[in-house]
Structures are given as structure tokens and as C-alpha cells.
């Protein structure tokens, strides 16, 4: 399989995910970016700065900044200043975001189940091994090229 094909598959999966999440956004009265930020932090609490969110989600800094301000104002998250570097703000979800995180995780499981219905457990395990190896190489390349 050619590299561009992997990219196209990834983009198509993400498009399905965003389309699927639209109904949850409507139900929770959140825009897509706000919903995705909450679910991302719920799934990845270790990546809790705006910079990390931008890096891992591929979102623009301005959009993330505006959305964080809105979510803090609405009580979905709080900011805490890093004790070693006051320029860094860590983001933490509040209890108010729990239903959104739950809904997002359920949606992700639903989509994953739908995409993998014809794939055996063994095939999924093999795919996971390959993807983890690719992920490690990506991290190495990012480090060498100064992308992180």
C-alpha cells in the first residue's frame, strides 16, 4: 500500500468520526472543536496544554485558544499555571465535562466497532502492532526533524 493511501484512509476515518460526532455536539450544545477538545482531554489527560492539543489534533492555535476560553468560561475545564514555567497553562476537565467525555468515548467505540466488524481479533492485534511501530518511528522522526 502506498503512503498516500494510508493518509487517505486516515482522513476518511476522521471525516466519519466528525460526522458521527455532530449529533453529540448538537445534543450537548457544543461546537465541533469544543466537543473534540473535551473528548481529547478525557482520553489523553497527559496532553493538557494548548500546544500539545494543537500538535496532536492538528488544530490551529487561534481556534484552540478561543475554544479553551469558552470552555473555561462555561465551566467545562479549568486552567492551572505550571509551577516551573509560569508561561505554561495546564488544562483540566471539570465534572461538568464528564457526560461529554462519556458520550465521545461511546461514539468512538461505536465507530471503531462499525469499521472493524469484518476484522478478526488476530488481525486487529497484528494491525495494532504495526501501528505502534509506525507511531514510534513517527516520534523518532519528529524528534530528529525538530517537529516536537
Protein backbone atom coordinates (compact mmCIF):
# COMPACT_ATOMS: atom_id res chain seq x y z
CA UNK A 1 0.00 0.00 0.00
CA UNK A 2 1.32 3.42 -0.95
CA UNK A 3 1.82 6.15 1.67
CA UNK A 4 -0.85 8.42 0.17
CA UNK A 5 -3.35 5.60 0.56
CA UNK A 6 -2.65 5.41 4.32
CA UNK A 7 -3.17 9.17 4.55
CA UNK A 8 -6.43 8.99 2.59
CA UNK A 9 -7.75 6.20 4.82
CA UNK A 10 -6.86 8.20 7.92
CA UNK A 11 -8.57 11.31 6.58
CA UNK A 12 -11.70 9.34 5.64
CA UNK A 13 -11.88 7.77 9.12
CA UNK A 14 -11.56 11.20 10.66
CA UNK A 15 -14.32 12.55 8.38
CA UNK A 16 -16.62 9.71 9.51
CA UNK A 17 -15.73 10.45 13.14
CA UNK A 18 -16.52 14.16 12.79
CA UNK A 19 -19.79 13.44 11.02
CA UNK A 20 -20.76 10.95 13.71
CA UNK A 21 -19.88 13.42 16.48
CA UNK A 22 -22.09 16.14 15.00
CA UNK A 23 -25.18 14.60 16.64
CA UNK A 24 -23.42 14.62 20.02
CA UNK A 25 -22.38 18.24 19.56
CA UNK A 26 -25.97 19.18 18.93
CA UNK A 27 -27.17 17.26 21.98
CA UNK A 28 -24.51 18.82 24.26
CA UNK A 29 -24.90 22.32 22.72
CA UNK A 30 -21.20 22.46 21.84
CA UNK A 31 -19.45 23.25 18.59
CA UNK A 32 -17.29 20.55 16.99
CA UNK A 33 -13.99 21.97 18.24
CA UNK A 34 -15.23 22.27 21.83
CA UNK A 35 -16.56 18.71 21.76
CA UNK A 36 -13.30 17.38 20.31
CA UNK A 37 -11.18 19.23 22.88
CA UNK A 38 -13.19 17.85 25.76
CA UNK A 39 -13.09 14.30 24.41
CA UNK A 40 -9.38 14.60 23.57
CA UNK A 41 -8.54 15.71 27.13
CA UNK A 42 -10.79 12.99 28.52
CA UNK A 43 -8.89 10.37 26.51
CA UNK A 44 -5.44 11.96 26.91
CA UNK A 45 -5.16 13.87 30.19
CA UNK A 46 -1.36 13.79 29.90
CA UNK A 47 -1.52 16.13 26.85
CA UNK A 48 -3.05 19.01 28.74
CA UNK A 49 -1.57 22.17 27.25
CA UNK A 50 -2.88 24.15 24.30
CA UNK A 51 0.39 23.50 22.47
CA UNK A 52 0.02 19.72 22.86
CA UNK A 53 -3.60 19.82 21.77
CA UNK A 54 -2.61 21.73 18.63
CA UNK A 55 0.22 19.28 17.91
CA UNK A 56 -1.75 16.08 18.42
CA UNK A 57 -5.08 17.20 16.98
CA UNK A 58 -3.72 19.33 14.15
CA UNK A 59 -5.82 22.32 15.15
CA UNK A 60 -4.89 25.98 14.72
CA UNK A 61 -3.62 27.80 17.79
CA UNK A 62 -6.14 30.60 17.47
CA UNK A 63 -9.09 28.19 17.29
CA UNK A 64 -7.84 26.20 20.29
CA UNK A 65 -7.21 29.36 22.31
CA UNK A 66 -10.71 30.75 21.66
CA UNK A 67 -12.33 27.38 22.38
CA UNK A 68 -10.40 26.93 25.64
CA UNK A 69 -11.50 30.40 26.78
CA UNK A 70 -15.13 29.47 26.03
CA UNK A 71 -14.90 26.10 27.79
CA UNK A 72 -13.29 27.67 30.88
CA UNK A 73 -15.98 30.34 30.93
CA UNK A 74 -18.73 27.70 30.65
CA UNK A 75 -17.18 25.60 33.42
CA UNK A 76 -16.08 22.58 31.36
CA UNK A 77 -12.40 23.00 32.20
CA UNK A 78 -10.01 24.91 34.40
CA UNK A 79 -6.51 26.26 33.84
CA UNK A 80 -3.60 25.82 36.22
CA UNK A 81 -0.27 27.57 35.80
CA UNK A 82 2.76 25.28 35.60
CA UNK A 83 4.82 25.56 38.79
CA UNK A 84 8.16 25.53 36.93
CA UNK A 85 7.23 27.72 33.95
CA UNK A 86 4.52 30.30 34.52
CA UNK A 87 4.02 30.73 30.77
CA UNK A 88 2.55 27.22 30.56
CA UNK A 89 -1.10 26.65 31.42
CA UNK A 90 -2.30 23.09 32.11
CA UNK A 91 -5.91 22.29 31.31
CA UNK A 92 -8.10 20.02 33.41
CA UNK A 93 -11.66 18.93 32.79
CA UNK A 94 -14.30 19.58 35.41
CA UNK A 95 -17.14 17.27 36.42
CA UNK A 96 -19.38 19.20 34.03
CA UNK A 97 -17.48 17.68 31.08
CA UNK A 98 -17.96 14.05 32.23
CA UNK A 99 -21.16 13.42 30.19
CA UNK A 100 -19.46 14.82 27.08
CA UNK A 101 -16.40 12.59 27.58
CA UNK A 102 -18.65 9.57 28.13
CA UNK A 103 -20.64 10.33 25.01
CA UNK A 104 -17.47 10.87 22.99
CA UNK A 105 -15.93 7.59 24.12
CA UNK A 106 -19.13 5.72 23.34
CA UNK A 107 -19.18 7.31 19.89
CA UNK A 108 -15.57 6.34 19.27
CA UNK A 109 -16.29 2.74 20.31
CA UNK A 110 -19.34 2.68 18.06
CA UNK A 111 -17.36 3.94 15.06
CA UNK A 112 -14.46 1.58 15.73
CA UNK A 113 -16.86 -1.35 16.03
CA UNK A 114 -18.51 -0.38 12.77
CA UNK A 115 -15.18 -0.07 10.96
CA UNK A 116 -13.82 -3.37 12.27
CA UNK A 117 -16.85 -5.68 12.01
CA UNK A 118 -15.22 -7.86 9.36
CA UNK A 119 -11.80 -7.97 11.03
CA UNK A 120 -10.82 -10.81 13.35
CA UNK A 121 -9.27 -10.23 16.78
CA UNK A 122 -5.98 -11.63 15.46
CA UNK A 123 -5.99 -9.24 12.50
CA UNK A 124 -6.70 -6.29 14.81
CA UNK A 125 -3.86 -7.33 17.09
CA UNK A 126 -1.48 -7.51 14.12
CA UNK A 127 -2.64 -4.12 12.90
CA UNK A 128 -2.07 -2.63 16.36
CA UNK A 129 1.49 -3.97 16.44
CA UNK A 130 2.22 -2.40 13.05
CA UNK A 131 0.63 0.93 14.02
CA UNK A 132 2.59 1.11 17.29
CA UNK A 133 5.81 0.54 15.35
CA UNK A 134 4.86 3.30 12.90
CA UNK A 135 3.97 5.58 15.80
CA UNK A 136 7.40 5.01 17.37
CA UNK A 137 9.10 5.85 14.06
CA UNK A 138 6.99 8.98 13.73
CA UNK A 139 8.10 10.09 17.20
CA UNK A 140 11.75 9.45 16.30
CA UNK A 141 11.47 11.38 13.02
CA UNK A 142 9.65 14.27 14.71
CA UNK A 143 12.43 14.49 17.28
CA UNK A 144 15.23 14.43 14.66
CA UNK A 145 13.48 17.00 12.48
CA UNK A 146 12.60 19.27 15.41
CA UNK A 147 8.86 18.92 14.93
CA UNK A 148 8.18 18.34 18.62
